[in-house]
Amino acid sequence: MPTKITPWAKAIAVVAMGFCLASCANNSSTVPQAEYSTKIVGRWQGTAGDLKETMSIDGDGTFLCQLRSLGFIANTLSQRVTGTIRGTWNIAGARITLRITGEKNERLGSRIASSTIMAFKEDGVVLKSDRGETSLFRRLRAL
């Protein structure tokens, strides 16, 4: 027996689809590779694996990254310990390398992390790690 969809349900679906399409339409300009080192400076947020990262990349070649676990308990009850990683960064071509100089509440196996910049726009960057994982980071704007 076919299900009837109420006019309200249709209206909500249309509005939701409109919001999705609007968010997908990205008018941000692509950053040329020669400008990666200057345009990467700022605050970024994204996920890598099962961690949410908020990273401040400074023009003096240093960075500070706050890590927190993802998941129902971590996201809703905030019962987590936030880890902090700091260090220096460098971009050569499309390759960004982070050298870790300090960490708090994190256990790191490696002191160097490198990724390839797959796409870079003013408001977002897509990175591909050496392990083949792809992550999207969005620029955080000041209010």
Protein backbone atom coordinates (compact mmCIF):
# COMPACT_ATOMS: atom_id res chain seq x y z
CA MET A 1 0.00 0.00 0.00
CA PRO A 2 1.57 3.36 -1.03
CA THR A 3 2.34 5.85 1.71
CA LYS A 4 0.90 9.34 1.50
CA ILE A 5 3.33 12.17 2.05
CA THR A 6 1.80 15.18 3.74
CA PRO A 7 2.31 18.67 2.30
CA TRP A 8 4.34 19.58 5.40
CA ALA A 9 6.71 16.67 4.86
CA LYS A 10 7.18 17.71 1.21
CA ALA A 11 7.84 21.33 2.23
CA ILE A 12 10.41 20.28 4.83
CA ALA A 13 12.12 17.99 2.31
CA VAL A 14 12.30 20.79 -0.29
CA VAL A 15 13.72 23.28 2.25
CA ALA A 16 16.28 20.73 3.47
CA MET A 17 17.33 19.98 -0.10
CA GLY A 18 17.67 23.71 -0.79
CA PHE A 19 19.96 24.14 2.21
CA CYS A 20 22.05 21.17 1.10
CA LEU A 21 22.42 22.53 -2.42
CA ALA A 22 23.25 26.01 -1.15
CA SER A 23 25.97 24.65 1.12
CA CYS A 24 27.42 22.61 -1.75
CA ALA A 25 27.65 25.65 -4.01
CA ASN A 26 31.05 26.93 -3.00
CA ASN A 27 31.94 30.28 -4.52
CA SER A 28 35.32 30.34 -2.78
CA SER A 29 38.24 30.86 -5.13
CA THR A 30 40.94 28.25 -5.65
CA VAL A 31 44.29 29.09 -4.06
CA PRO A 32 47.28 28.86 -6.45
CA GLN A 33 50.03 26.51 -5.23
CA ALA A 34 52.51 29.42 -5.07
CA GLU A 35 50.29 31.02 -2.36
CA TYR A 36 49.75 27.92 -0.17
CA SER A 37 52.27 29.10 2.47
CA THR A 38 50.56 32.45 2.97
CA LYS A 39 46.93 31.36 2.57
CA ILE A 40 47.24 28.42 5.01
CA VAL A 41 47.74 30.86 7.91
CA GLY A 42 44.63 30.98 10.09
CA ARG A 43 42.33 28.74 12.13
CA TRP A 44 41.03 25.48 10.66
CA GLN A 45 38.68 22.73 11.82
CA GLY A 46 38.18 19.23 10.49
CA THR A 47 38.31 15.55 11.30
CA ALA A 48 41.10 13.07 10.87
CA GLY A 49 40.25 9.48 11.66
CA ASP A 50 38.21 9.47 14.86
CA LEU A 51 39.44 12.86 16.07
CA LYS A 52 38.08 16.36 15.62
CA GLU A 53 40.89 18.86 15.15
CA THR A 54 40.99 22.61 15.57
CA MET A 55 44.29 23.97 14.35
CA SER A 56 45.82 27.43 14.47
CA ILE A 57 48.51 27.87 11.83
CA ASP A 58 50.59 30.97 12.40
CA GLY A 59 52.63 33.04 9.95
CA ASP A 60 55.80 32.51 12.02
CA GLY A 61 55.85 28.81 11.01
CA THR A 62 54.31 27.42 14.22
CA PHE A 63 51.02 25.65 14.83
CA LEU A 64 48.83 24.61 17.76
CA CYS A 65 46.31 21.80 17.36
CA GLN A 66 43.50 20.86 19.77
CA LEU A 67 42.26 17.27 19.41
CA ARG A 68 39.11 15.70 20.78
CA SER A 69 37.46 12.34 20.27
CA LEU A 70 34.40 11.92 18.11
CA GLY A 71 31.45 9.76 19.09
CA PHE A 72 28.14 9.94 20.87
CA ILE A 73 29.50 10.26 24.42
CA ALA A 74 32.29 12.67 23.47
CA ASN A 75 30.01 14.91 21.41
CA THR A 76 26.97 15.01 23.68
CA LEU A 77 28.31 14.73 27.20
CA SER A 78 31.72 16.33 26.67
CA GLN A 79 33.35 13.62 28.77
CA ARG A 80 36.73 13.71 27.13
CA VAL A 81 40.20 14.98 27.62
CA THR A 82 41.33 17.36 24.93
CA GLY A 83 44.82 16.76 23.64
CA THR A 84 47.12 19.50 22.43
CA ILE A 85 49.91 19.24 19.89
CA ARG A 86 52.27 22.08 18.95
CA GLY A 87 55.11 22.39 16.54
CA THR A 88 56.32 23.91 13.32
CA TRP A 89 54.98 23.67 9.79
CA ASN A 90 56.42 23.92 6.30
CA ILE A 91 54.93 23.76 2.81
CA ALA A 92 56.98 22.68 -0.21
CA GLY A 93 54.94 22.49 -3.40
CA ALA A 94 51.70 20.73 -2.49
CA ARG A 95 53.23 19.01 0.55
CA ILE A 96 52.62 20.24 4.11
CA THR A 97 54.84 18.87 6.86
CA LEU A 98 54.16 19.29 10.57
CA ARG A 99 57.04 18.75 13.01
CA ILE A 100 55.78 18.07 16.52
CA THR A 101 57.74 19.83 19.28
CA GLY A 102 55.33 19.21 22.15
CA GLU A 103 52.14 17.44 23.15
CA LYS A 104 49.80 17.23 26.12
CA ASN A 105 47.43 14.30 26.74
CA GLU A 106 48.48 12.66 23.46
CA ARG A 107 50.82 9.78 22.69
CA LEU A 108 52.45 10.20 19.34
CA GLY A 109 54.36 7.49 17.54
CA SER A 110 55.84 9.86 15.02
CA ARG A 111 57.17 13.38 15.45
CA ILE A 112 56.58 14.31 11.80
CA ALA A 113 53.28 14.28 9.89
CA SER A 114 53.07 15.02 6.18
CA SER A 115 50.12 15.31 3.82
CA THR A 116 49.54 16.30 0.23
CA ILE A 117 47.22 19.22 -0.43
CA MET A 118 44.71 17.77 -2.89
CA ALA A 119 42.49 20.88 -3.16
CA PHE A 120 42.80 24.32 -1.59
CA LYS A 121 40.17 27.03 -1.61
CA GLU A 122 40.01 30.14 0.55
CA ASP A 123 37.58 28.45 2.96
CA GLY A 124 38.62 24.80 2.79
CA VAL A 125 41.52 22.47 2.20
CA VAL A 126 41.53 18.74 1.39
CA LEU A 127 44.55 16.81 2.64
CA LYS A 128 45.64 13.27 1.82
CA SER A 129 47.91 11.66 4.39
CA ASP A 130 50.77 9.30 3.62
CA ARG A 131 48.46 6.48 4.85
CA GLY A 132 45.95 7.38 2.12
CA GLU A 133 43.36 9.00 4.42
CA THR A 134 41.60 12.09 3.08
CA SER A 135 40.49 14.89 5.43
CA LEU A 136 38.60 18.12 4.84
CA PHE A 137 39.41 21.17 6.95
CA ARG A 138 37.26 24.31 6.93
CA ARG A 139 38.57 27.77 7.74
CA LEU A 140 37.14 29.20 10.95
CA ARG A 141 36.11 32.82 10.61
CA ALA A 142 36.23 35.29 13.47
CA LEU A 143 32.84 36.67 14.50
